[in-house]
Amino acid sequence: MVSLLLLMAIQPNFEAQLASNSFRERERAQASLLKADNIYLTRKLMRSRDIEVRRRAKYVFEVQRERFLQSLQTLPMLDSLWYVRDRDIYDTEGIYGKPQRPFLPYVAMAVDDFAMYRADFVYYRIATYYYLREQMNKGMTPWQVRKLVREMWELELATGHHLHVGFRDVD
């Protein structure tokens, strides 16, 4: 508890610096915030009353989000979220309580952006990236994303997809 209070006391006041009248001070504060790599603090700054603070915090968040998602490296296939283990099927029609095919818009985005690939599994892995990016935009924390990716890998392993497309163990 004391260390948290000490950390808060020595942490620069990013909001005041990002709202400064000095362009250089705002730039330095933005660079420091980016270097701090604290998504939680950046999200808090995105709710500031000052439009300049919100704009700069949004930019920093986007960079931090992309860095984090890139650090996950190979992602599982998005449709693994709809796999029902005890029935050994994909519940894309919502029969067993899963939402009906909500992953299709993400797959369509992947196909549009990466039409040069021919393998479906590539689209589904790129779709996972788009899905996770949107979930982080909605407030999902890096810890929650890691947990979800781990669960997705477990489901993908249960289906045997990894045997056909390569496998990377998750940490």
N, C-alpha and C. Protein backbone atom coordinates (compact mmCIF):
# COMPACT_ATOMS: atom_id res chain seq x y z
N MET A 1 0.83 -1.20 0.00
CA MET A 1 0.00 0.00 0.00
C MET A 1 0.87 1.25 0.00
N VAL A 2 1.92 1.23 0.82
CA VAL A 2 2.81 2.38 0.92
C VAL A 2 3.53 2.60 -0.41
N SER A 3 3.97 1.49 -1.03
CA SER A 3 4.68 1.62 -2.30
C SER A 3 3.77 2.19 -3.39
N LEU A 4 2.48 1.83 -3.36
CA LEU A 4 1.53 2.38 -4.33
C LEU A 4 1.36 3.88 -4.12
N LEU A 5 1.25 4.30 -2.86
CA LEU A 5 1.13 5.73 -2.56
C LEU A 5 2.40 6.47 -2.96
N LEU A 6 3.56 5.87 -2.72
CA LEU A 6 4.83 6.48 -3.11
C LEU A 6 4.91 6.61 -4.63
N LEU A 7 4.49 5.57 -5.34
CA LEU A 7 4.49 5.61 -6.80
C LEU A 7 3.58 6.71 -7.31
N MET A 8 2.40 6.85 -6.69
CA MET A 8 1.46 7.89 -7.12
C MET A 8 2.04 9.28 -6.83
N ALA A 9 2.80 9.41 -5.75
CA ALA A 9 3.36 10.70 -5.38
C ALA A 9 4.46 11.13 -6.34
N ILE A 10 5.28 10.18 -6.82
CA ILE A 10 6.38 10.56 -7.70
C ILE A 10 5.99 10.56 -9.18
N GLN A 11 4.84 10.01 -9.48
CA GLN A 11 4.37 9.97 -10.87
C GLN A 11 4.05 11.38 -11.35
N PRO A 12 4.53 11.73 -12.54
CA PRO A 12 4.24 13.08 -13.02
C PRO A 12 2.75 13.29 -13.25
N ASN A 13 2.33 14.54 -13.16
CA ASN A 13 0.93 14.86 -13.42
C ASN A 13 0.74 14.98 -14.93
N PHE A 14 0.48 13.84 -15.55
CA PHE A 14 0.37 13.81 -17.01
C PHE A 14 -0.76 14.70 -17.52
N GLU A 15 -1.85 14.75 -16.79
CA GLU A 15 -2.98 15.55 -17.26
C GLU A 15 -2.61 17.03 -17.37
N ALA A 16 -1.96 17.54 -16.35
CA ALA A 16 -1.55 18.96 -16.38
C ALA A 16 -0.52 19.20 -17.47
N GLN A 17 0.41 18.26 -17.63
CA GLN A 17 1.45 18.43 -18.65
C GLN A 17 0.87 18.33 -20.06
N LEU A 18 -0.06 17.39 -20.26
CA LEU A 18 -0.67 17.24 -21.59
C LEU A 18 -1.56 18.43 -21.95
N ALA A 19 -2.03 19.15 -20.93
CA ALA A 19 -2.90 20.30 -21.16
C ALA A 19 -2.11 21.62 -21.13
N SER A 20 -0.81 21.52 -21.00
CA SER A 20 0.03 22.71 -20.88
C SER A 20 -0.12 23.63 -22.10
N ASN A 21 0.17 24.90 -21.89
CA ASN A 21 0.17 25.87 -22.99
C ASN A 21 1.40 25.72 -23.88
N SER A 22 2.43 25.07 -23.35
CA SER A 22 3.68 24.88 -24.08
C SER A 22 3.60 23.61 -24.93
N PHE A 23 3.80 23.78 -26.24
CA PHE A 23 3.78 22.63 -27.15
C PHE A 23 4.85 21.62 -26.77
N ARG A 24 6.06 22.11 -26.44
CA ARG A 24 7.16 21.20 -26.08
C ARG A 24 6.83 20.38 -24.84
N GLU A 25 6.22 21.02 -23.86
CA GLU A 25 5.86 20.30 -22.63
C GLU A 25 4.80 19.23 -22.95
N ARG A 26 3.85 19.57 -23.79
CA ARG A 26 2.84 18.57 -24.18
C ARG A 26 3.49 17.39 -24.91
N GLU A 27 4.42 17.68 -25.81
CA GLU A 27 5.13 16.63 -26.54
C GLU A 27 5.95 15.75 -25.60
N ARG A 28 6.64 16.38 -24.64
CA ARG A 28 7.43 15.61 -23.66
C ARG A 28 6.51 14.74 -22.81
N ALA A 29 5.39 15.29 -22.39
CA ALA A 29 4.45 14.53 -21.57
C ALA A 29 3.90 13.33 -22.36
N GLN A 30 3.59 13.55 -23.63
CA GLN A 30 3.08 12.46 -24.46
C GLN A 30 4.15 11.37 -24.61
N ALA A 31 5.39 11.77 -24.85
CA ALA A 31 6.48 10.80 -24.97
C ALA A 31 6.69 10.05 -23.65
N SER A 32 6.58 10.74 -22.53
CA SER A 32 6.74 10.09 -21.22
C SER A 32 5.61 9.12 -20.95
N LEU A 33 4.40 9.50 -21.32
CA LEU A 33 3.25 8.62 -21.15
C LEU A 33 3.42 7.37 -22.01
N LEU A 34 3.89 7.54 -23.21
CA LEU A 34 4.13 6.41 -24.10
C LEU A 34 5.21 5.50 -23.52
N LYS A 35 6.25 6.10 -22.97
CA LYS A 35 7.34 5.32 -22.38
C LYS A 35 6.88 4.60 -21.11
N ALA A 36 5.99 5.23 -20.35
CA ALA A 36 5.48 4.61 -19.12
C ALA A 36 4.71 3.33 -19.42
N ASP A 37 4.11 3.27 -20.60
CA ASP A 37 3.40 2.07 -21.06
C ASP A 37 2.37 1.58 -20.04
N ASN A 38 1.55 2.50 -19.56
CA ASN A 38 0.53 2.19 -18.57
C ASN A 38 -0.84 2.42 -19.21
N ILE A 39 -1.43 1.36 -19.71
CA ILE A 39 -2.72 1.44 -20.40
C ILE A 39 -3.81 1.95 -19.47
N TYR A 40 -3.73 1.57 -18.20
CA TYR A 40 -4.76 1.99 -17.25
C TYR A 40 -4.75 3.50 -17.06
N LEU A 41 -3.57 4.06 -16.89
CA LEU A 41 -3.44 5.52 -16.75
C LEU A 41 -3.88 6.22 -18.03
N THR A 42 -3.48 5.66 -19.16
CA THR A 42 -3.85 6.27 -20.44
C THR A 42 -5.36 6.28 -20.61
N ARG A 43 -6.03 5.20 -20.24
CA ARG A 43 -7.50 5.17 -20.32
C ARG A 43 -8.12 6.23 -19.43
N LYS A 44 -7.55 6.42 -18.26
CA LYS A 44 -8.07 7.45 -17.35
C LYS A 44 -7.93 8.83 -18.00
N LEU A 45 -6.79 9.08 -18.63
CA LEU A 45 -6.57 10.37 -19.29
C LEU A 45 -7.49 10.55 -20.49
N MET A 46 -7.93 9.47 -21.10
CA MET A 46 -8.86 9.57 -22.24
C MET A 46 -10.22 10.10 -21.81
N ARG A 47 -10.48 10.09 -20.50
CA ARG A 47 -11.76 10.62 -19.99
C ARG A 47 -11.62 12.04 -19.44
N SER A 48 -10.49 12.66 -19.70
CA SER A 48 -10.25 14.02 -19.21
C SER A 48 -11.26 15.01 -19.81
N ARG A 49 -11.44 16.12 -19.13
CA ARG A 49 -12.31 17.17 -19.66
C ARG A 49 -11.63 17.96 -20.77
N ASP A 50 -10.30 17.96 -20.76
CA ASP A 50 -9.52 18.73 -21.73
C ASP A 50 -9.42 17.95 -23.04
N ILE A 51 -9.82 18.56 -24.14
CA ILE A 51 -9.83 17.89 -25.44
C ILE A 51 -8.42 17.53 -25.91
N GLU A 52 -7.43 18.37 -25.62
CA GLU A 52 -6.04 18.09 -26.01
C GLU A 52 -5.51 16.88 -25.24
N VAL A 53 -5.84 16.76 -23.98
CA VAL A 53 -5.43 15.61 -23.17
C VAL A 53 -6.07 14.35 -23.73
N ARG A 54 -7.36 14.42 -24.03
CA ARG A 54 -8.07 13.25 -24.59
C ARG A 54 -7.47 12.83 -25.92
N ARG A 55 -7.18 13.80 -26.79
CA ARG A 55 -6.64 13.50 -28.11
C ARG A 55 -5.27 12.82 -28.01
N ARG A 56 -4.41 13.36 -27.19
CA ARG A 56 -3.07 12.79 -27.03
C ARG A 56 -3.13 11.43 -26.33
N ALA A 57 -4.00 11.31 -25.33
CA ALA A 57 -4.14 10.03 -24.63
C ALA A 57 -4.69 8.96 -25.57
N LYS A 58 -5.61 9.34 -26.44
CA LYS A 58 -6.16 8.37 -27.40
C LYS A 58 -5.05 7.87 -28.33
N TYR A 59 -4.21 8.77 -28.81
CA TYR A 59 -3.09 8.37 -29.67
C TYR A 59 -2.16 7.42 -28.92
N VAL A 60 -1.81 7.76 -27.68
CA VAL A 60 -0.92 6.92 -26.88
C VAL A 60 -1.57 5.56 -26.64
N PHE A 61 -2.86 5.54 -26.33
CA PHE A 61 -3.57 4.28 -26.12
C PHE A 61 -3.50 3.39 -27.36
N GLU A 62 -3.72 3.98 -28.53
CA GLU A 62 -3.68 3.20 -29.77
C GLU A 62 -2.31 2.58 -29.98
N VAL A 63 -1.25 3.32 -29.70
CA VAL A 63 0.11 2.79 -29.83
C VAL A 63 0.34 1.68 -28.81
N GLN A 64 -0.07 1.92 -27.56
CA GLN A 64 0.10 0.91 -26.51
C GLN A 64 -0.70 -0.35 -26.83
N ARG A 65 -1.91 -0.18 -27.31
CA ARG A 65 -2.76 -1.32 -27.66
C ARG A 65 -2.11 -2.16 -28.76
N GLU A 66 -1.61 -1.49 -29.80
CA GLU A 66 -0.98 -2.22 -30.91
C GLU A 66 0.27 -2.95 -30.44
N ARG A 67 1.08 -2.29 -29.60
CA ARG A 67 2.27 -2.95 -29.04
C ARG A 67 1.88 -4.21 -28.28
N PHE A 68 0.86 -4.06 -27.44
CA PHE A 68 0.43 -5.20 -26.63
C PHE A 68 -0.07 -6.34 -27.52
N LEU A 69 -0.93 -6.03 -28.48
CA LEU A 69 -1.46 -7.09 -29.34
C LEU A 69 -0.35 -7.74 -30.16
N GLN A 70 0.62 -6.95 -30.62
CA GLN A 70 1.75 -7.53 -31.35
C GLN A 70 2.58 -8.44 -30.45
N SER A 71 2.64 -8.13 -29.15
CA SER A 71 3.42 -8.95 -28.23
C SER A 71 2.81 -10.34 -28.06
N LEU A 72 1.54 -10.49 -28.39
CA LEU A 72 0.89 -11.80 -28.27
C LEU A 72 1.32 -12.75 -29.37
N GLN A 73 1.91 -12.22 -30.43
CA GLN A 73 2.42 -12.98 -31.57
C GLN A 73 1.31 -13.79 -32.23
N THR A 74 1.51 -15.08 -32.44
CA THR A 74 0.52 -15.90 -33.14
C THR A 74 -0.74 -16.00 -32.29
N LEU A 75 -1.87 -15.69 -32.89
CA LEU A 75 -3.14 -15.73 -32.17
C LEU A 75 -3.94 -16.97 -32.57
N PRO A 76 -4.79 -17.44 -31.66
CA PRO A 76 -5.67 -18.56 -32.02
C PRO A 76 -6.74 -18.10 -33.00
N MET A 77 -7.43 -19.06 -33.58
CA MET A 77 -8.49 -18.73 -34.53
C MET A 77 -9.72 -18.26 -33.77
N LEU A 78 -10.34 -17.21 -34.26
CA LEU A 78 -11.46 -16.57 -33.57
C LEU A 78 -12.63 -17.52 -33.37
N ASP A 79 -12.88 -18.40 -34.31
CA ASP A 79 -14.04 -19.28 -34.17
C ASP A 79 -13.90 -20.27 -33.01
N SER A 80 -12.70 -20.36 -32.40
CA SER A 80 -12.54 -21.26 -31.26
C SER A 80 -13.44 -20.85 -30.09
N LEU A 81 -13.85 -19.59 -30.04
CA LEU A 81 -14.75 -19.14 -28.98
C LEU A 81 -16.12 -19.81 -29.06
N TRP A 82 -16.46 -20.35 -30.21
CA TRP A 82 -17.77 -20.97 -30.39
C TRP A 82 -17.72 -22.49 -30.35
N TYR A 83 -16.58 -23.03 -29.94
CA TYR A 83 -16.45 -24.47 -29.83
C TYR A 83 -17.04 -24.93 -28.51
N VAL A 84 -17.89 -25.96 -28.55
CA VAL A 84 -18.51 -26.53 -27.35
C VAL A 84 -17.83 -27.88 -27.10
N ARG A 85 -16.98 -27.94 -26.08
CA ARG A 85 -16.17 -29.13 -25.83
C ARG A 85 -16.99 -30.39 -25.60
N ASP A 86 -17.96 -30.30 -24.70
CA ASP A 86 -18.69 -31.53 -24.34
C ASP A 86 -19.50 -32.10 -25.50
N ARG A 87 -19.77 -31.31 -26.52
CA ARG A 87 -20.51 -31.80 -27.70
C ARG A 87 -19.59 -31.97 -28.91
N ASP A 88 -18.35 -31.47 -28.80
CA ASP A 88 -17.36 -31.55 -29.88
C ASP A 88 -17.90 -30.95 -31.19
N ILE A 89 -18.51 -29.76 -31.06
CA ILE A 89 -19.04 -29.07 -32.24
C ILE A 89 -18.81 -27.57 -32.10
N TYR A 90 -18.96 -26.87 -33.21
CA TYR A 90 -18.98 -25.41 -33.20
C TYR A 90 -20.43 -24.98 -33.15
N ASP A 91 -20.75 -24.14 -32.20
CA ASP A 91 -22.13 -23.67 -32.03
C ASP A 91 -22.30 -22.32 -32.72
N THR A 92 -22.21 -22.31 -34.04
CA THR A 92 -22.32 -21.05 -34.78
C THR A 92 -23.77 -20.63 -35.01
N GLU A 93 -24.70 -21.51 -34.72
CA GLU A 93 -26.12 -21.18 -34.91
C GLU A 93 -26.80 -20.78 -33.60
N GLY A 94 -26.07 -20.80 -32.48
CA GLY A 94 -26.64 -20.39 -31.20
C GLY A 94 -27.50 -21.44 -30.55
N ILE A 95 -27.37 -22.69 -30.96
CA ILE A 95 -28.20 -23.77 -30.41
C ILE A 95 -27.86 -24.05 -28.96
N TYR A 96 -26.58 -24.01 -28.60
CA TYR A 96 -26.15 -24.35 -27.24
C TYR A 96 -25.80 -23.11 -26.42
N GLY A 97 -26.39 -22.00 -26.74
CA GLY A 97 -26.24 -20.81 -25.93
C GLY A 97 -25.16 -19.83 -26.37
N LYS A 98 -24.41 -20.15 -27.40
CA LYS A 98 -23.40 -19.21 -27.90
C LYS A 98 -24.10 -18.20 -28.82
N PRO A 99 -23.56 -16.98 -28.90
CA PRO A 99 -24.15 -16.01 -29.84
C PRO A 99 -24.00 -16.49 -31.28
N GLN A 100 -24.94 -16.14 -32.13
CA GLN A 100 -24.92 -16.58 -33.53
C GLN A 100 -23.87 -15.85 -34.34
N ARG A 101 -22.89 -16.53 -34.80
CA ARG A 101 -21.87 -16.06 -35.74
C ARG A 101 -21.42 -14.60 -35.59
N PRO A 102 -21.17 -14.13 -34.40
CA PRO A 102 -20.74 -12.73 -34.29
C PRO A 102 -19.32 -12.51 -34.77
N PHE A 103 -18.60 -13.60 -35.07
CA PHE A 103 -17.23 -13.44 -35.53
C PHE A 103 -17.14 -13.15 -37.02
N LEU A 104 -18.23 -13.31 -37.75
CA LEU A 104 -18.18 -13.13 -39.21
C LEU A 104 -17.77 -11.72 -39.65
N PRO A 105 -18.21 -10.64 -38.99
CA PRO A 105 -17.74 -9.32 -39.42
C PRO A 105 -16.22 -9.17 -39.32
N TYR A 106 -15.62 -9.79 -38.31
CA TYR A 106 -14.17 -9.71 -38.15
C TYR A 106 -13.46 -10.51 -39.24
N VAL A 107 -14.03 -11.65 -39.60
CA VAL A 107 -13.47 -12.46 -40.68
C VAL A 107 -13.59 -11.69 -42.00
N ALA A 108 -14.73 -11.04 -42.22
CA ALA A 108 -14.92 -10.25 -43.44
C ALA A 108 -13.90 -9.11 -43.52
N MET A 109 -13.62 -8.46 -42.39
CA MET A 109 -12.60 -7.41 -42.37
C MET A 109 -11.24 -7.98 -42.74
N ALA A 110 -10.92 -9.16 -42.21
CA ALA A 110 -9.64 -9.79 -42.50
C ALA A 110 -9.53 -10.14 -43.97
N VAL A 111 -10.61 -10.67 -44.54
CA VAL A 111 -10.61 -11.02 -45.97
C VAL A 111 -10.44 -9.76 -46.81
N ASP A 112 -11.14 -8.69 -46.45
CA ASP A 112 -11.01 -7.43 -47.19
C ASP A 112 -9.59 -6.88 -47.13
N ASP A 113 -8.99 -6.93 -45.94
CA ASP A 113 -7.66 -6.35 -45.75
C ASP A 113 -6.52 -7.22 -46.25
N PHE A 114 -6.75 -8.54 -46.28
CA PHE A 114 -5.67 -9.47 -46.63
C PHE A 114 -6.14 -10.49 -47.66
N ALA A 115 -6.70 -10.00 -48.75
CA ALA A 115 -7.26 -10.88 -49.78
C ALA A 115 -6.20 -11.73 -50.48
N MET A 116 -4.93 -11.42 -50.29
CA MET A 116 -3.88 -12.17 -50.98
C MET A 116 -3.69 -13.57 -50.40
N TYR A 117 -4.13 -13.79 -49.16
CA TYR A 117 -3.99 -15.11 -48.55
C TYR A 117 -5.10 -16.02 -49.03
N ARG A 118 -4.79 -17.30 -49.11
CA ARG A 118 -5.79 -18.25 -49.58
C ARG A 118 -6.28 -19.20 -48.49
N ALA A 119 -5.57 -19.28 -47.38
CA ALA A 119 -5.92 -20.23 -46.33
C ALA A 119 -6.90 -19.59 -45.34
N ASP A 120 -8.00 -20.28 -45.08
CA ASP A 120 -9.01 -19.76 -44.16
C ASP A 120 -8.45 -19.48 -42.77
N PHE A 121 -7.53 -20.33 -42.30
CA PHE A 121 -7.03 -20.15 -40.94
C PHE A 121 -6.32 -18.81 -40.77
N VAL A 122 -5.72 -18.29 -41.85
CA VAL A 122 -5.06 -16.98 -41.77
C VAL A 122 -6.11 -15.91 -41.50
N TYR A 123 -7.23 -15.96 -42.19
CA TYR A 123 -8.29 -15.00 -41.97
C TYR A 123 -8.80 -15.04 -40.54
N TYR A 124 -8.95 -16.26 -40.01
CA TYR A 124 -9.49 -16.39 -38.66
C TYR A 124 -8.51 -15.89 -37.61
N ARG A 125 -7.22 -16.02 -37.86
CA ARG A 125 -6.22 -15.49 -36.91
C ARG A 125 -6.18 -13.96 -36.98
N ILE A 126 -6.27 -13.41 -38.17
CA ILE A 126 -6.33 -11.95 -38.32
C ILE A 126 -7.63 -11.42 -37.72
N ALA A 127 -8.70 -12.16 -37.90
CA ALA A 127 -9.99 -11.77 -37.31
C ALA A 127 -9.88 -11.72 -35.79
N THR A 128 -9.12 -12.64 -35.20
CA THR A 128 -8.90 -12.62 -33.75
C THR A 128 -8.25 -11.31 -33.34
N TYR A 129 -7.27 -10.87 -34.12
CA TYR A 129 -6.60 -9.60 -33.85
C TYR A 129 -7.61 -8.45 -33.86
N TYR A 130 -8.46 -8.39 -34.86
CA TYR A 130 -9.47 -7.32 -34.95
C TYR A 130 -10.45 -7.40 -33.77
N TYR A 131 -10.84 -8.61 -33.42
CA TYR A 131 -11.77 -8.81 -32.31
C TYR A 131 -11.15 -8.31 -31.00
N LEU A 132 -9.90 -8.70 -30.74
CA LEU A 132 -9.24 -8.28 -29.50
C LEU A 132 -9.01 -6.78 -29.47
N ARG A 133 -8.69 -6.19 -30.61
CA ARG A 133 -8.50 -4.75 -30.69
C ARG A 133 -9.79 -4.03 -30.31
N GLU A 134 -10.91 -4.52 -30.84
CA GLU A 134 -12.20 -3.90 -30.50
C GLU A 134 -12.53 -4.08 -29.03
N GLN A 135 -12.25 -5.26 -28.48
CA GLN A 135 -12.54 -5.49 -27.07
C GLN A 135 -11.70 -4.57 -26.18
N MET A 136 -10.45 -4.33 -26.55
CA MET A 136 -9.62 -3.39 -25.77
C MET A 136 -10.16 -1.98 -25.89
N ASN A 137 -10.65 -1.62 -27.07
CA ASN A 137 -11.27 -0.29 -27.23
C ASN A 137 -12.48 -0.14 -26.33
N LYS A 138 -13.17 -1.24 -26.07
CA LYS A 138 -14.37 -1.21 -25.22
C LYS A 138 -14.02 -1.29 -23.73
N GLY A 139 -12.73 -1.47 -23.41
CA GLY A 139 -12.35 -1.46 -22.00
C GLY A 139 -11.72 -2.73 -21.47
N MET A 140 -11.59 -3.77 -22.28
CA MET A 140 -10.96 -5.00 -21.81
C MET A 140 -9.50 -4.71 -21.47
N THR A 141 -9.06 -5.20 -20.33
CA THR A 141 -7.70 -4.96 -19.87
C THR A 141 -6.73 -5.95 -20.51
N PRO A 142 -5.44 -5.62 -20.53
CA PRO A 142 -4.46 -6.58 -21.05
C PRO A 142 -4.52 -7.92 -20.33
N TRP A 143 -4.73 -7.91 -19.03
CA TRP A 143 -4.85 -9.16 -18.28
C TRP A 143 -6.03 -9.99 -18.79
N GLN A 144 -7.17 -9.35 -19.03
CA GLN A 144 -8.34 -10.05 -19.54
C GLN A 144 -8.10 -10.58 -20.95
N VAL A 145 -7.38 -9.81 -21.77
CA VAL A 145 -7.07 -10.25 -23.12
C VAL A 145 -6.19 -11.49 -23.07
N ARG A 146 -5.14 -11.46 -22.24
CA ARG A 146 -4.26 -12.63 -22.12
C ARG A 146 -5.05 -13.86 -21.68
N LYS A 147 -5.93 -13.68 -20.72
CA LYS A 147 -6.75 -14.79 -20.23
C LYS A 147 -7.64 -15.33 -21.36
N LEU A 148 -8.26 -14.45 -22.10
CA LEU A 148 -9.12 -14.87 -23.21
C LEU A 148 -8.32 -15.61 -24.28
N VAL A 149 -7.14 -15.10 -24.61
CA VAL A 149 -6.30 -15.75 -25.63
C VAL A 149 -5.89 -17.14 -25.14
N ARG A 150 -5.55 -17.26 -23.88
CA ARG A 150 -5.19 -18.58 -23.33
C ARG A 150 -6.37 -19.54 -23.46
N GLU A 151 -7.57 -19.07 -23.11
CA GLU A 151 -8.76 -19.92 -23.24
C GLU A 151 -9.01 -20.31 -24.69
N MET A 152 -8.80 -19.36 -25.60
CA MET A 152 -9.00 -19.63 -27.03
C MET A 152 -8.00 -20.69 -27.51
N TRP A 153 -6.74 -20.59 -27.04
CA TRP A 153 -5.75 -21.59 -27.42
C TRP A 153 -6.17 -22.97 -26.91
N GLU A 154 -6.66 -23.02 -25.68
CA GLU A 154 -7.10 -24.31 -25.12
C GLU A 154 -8.23 -24.91 -25.96
N LEU A 155 -9.17 -24.06 -26.37
CA LEU A 155 -10.27 -24.54 -27.20
C LEU A 155 -9.77 -24.97 -28.58
N GLU A 156 -8.83 -24.21 -29.12
CA GLU A 156 -8.30 -24.57 -30.43
C GLU A 156 -7.54 -25.90 -30.35
N LEU A 157 -6.82 -26.10 -29.26
CA LEU A 157 -6.12 -27.38 -29.08
C LEU A 157 -7.11 -28.53 -28.99
N ALA A 158 -8.25 -28.28 -28.36
CA ALA A 158 -9.26 -29.33 -28.23
C ALA A 158 -9.85 -29.72 -29.59
N THR A 159 -9.86 -28.78 -30.54
CA THR A 159 -10.43 -29.08 -31.86
C THR A 159 -9.45 -29.77 -32.78
N GLY A 160 -8.15 -29.63 -32.50
CA GLY A 160 -7.14 -30.22 -33.37
C GLY A 160 -6.73 -29.33 -34.53
N HIS A 161 -7.24 -28.09 -34.61
CA HIS A 161 -6.86 -27.18 -35.69
C HIS A 161 -5.36 -26.94 -35.74
N HIS A 162 -4.73 -26.86 -34.58
CA HIS A 162 -3.30 -26.54 -34.53
C HIS A 162 -2.45 -27.58 -35.24
N LEU A 163 -2.95 -28.80 -35.37
CA LEU A 163 -2.19 -29.85 -36.05
C LEU A 163 -2.04 -29.57 -37.54
N HIS A 164 -2.97 -28.80 -38.09
CA HIS A 164 -2.96 -28.53 -39.51
C HIS A 164 -2.28 -27.21 -39.87
N VAL A 165 -2.24 -26.28 -38.94
CA VAL A 165 -1.77 -24.95 -39.29
C VAL A 165 -0.58 -24.48 -38.47
N GLY A 166 0.00 -25.33 -37.68
CA GLY A 166 1.12 -24.92 -36.85
C GLY A 166 0.65 -24.51 -35.47
N PHE A 167 1.53 -24.58 -34.51
CA PHE A 167 1.14 -24.32 -33.13
C PHE A 167 2.23 -23.54 -32.42
N ARG A 168 1.82 -22.59 -31.63
CA ARG A 168 2.73 -21.86 -30.78
C ARG A 168 2.16 -21.89 -29.37
N ASP A 169 2.92 -22.44 -28.43
CA ASP A 169 2.45 -22.51 -27.05
C ASP A 169 2.34 -21.10 -26.49
N VAL A 170 1.33 -20.87 -25.66
CA VAL A 170 1.15 -19.56 -25.04
C VAL A 170 1.80 -19.56 -23.69
N ASP A 171 2.31 -18.38 -23.28
CA ASP A 171 2.98 -18.31 -21.98
C ASP A 171 2.02 -18.24 -20.85
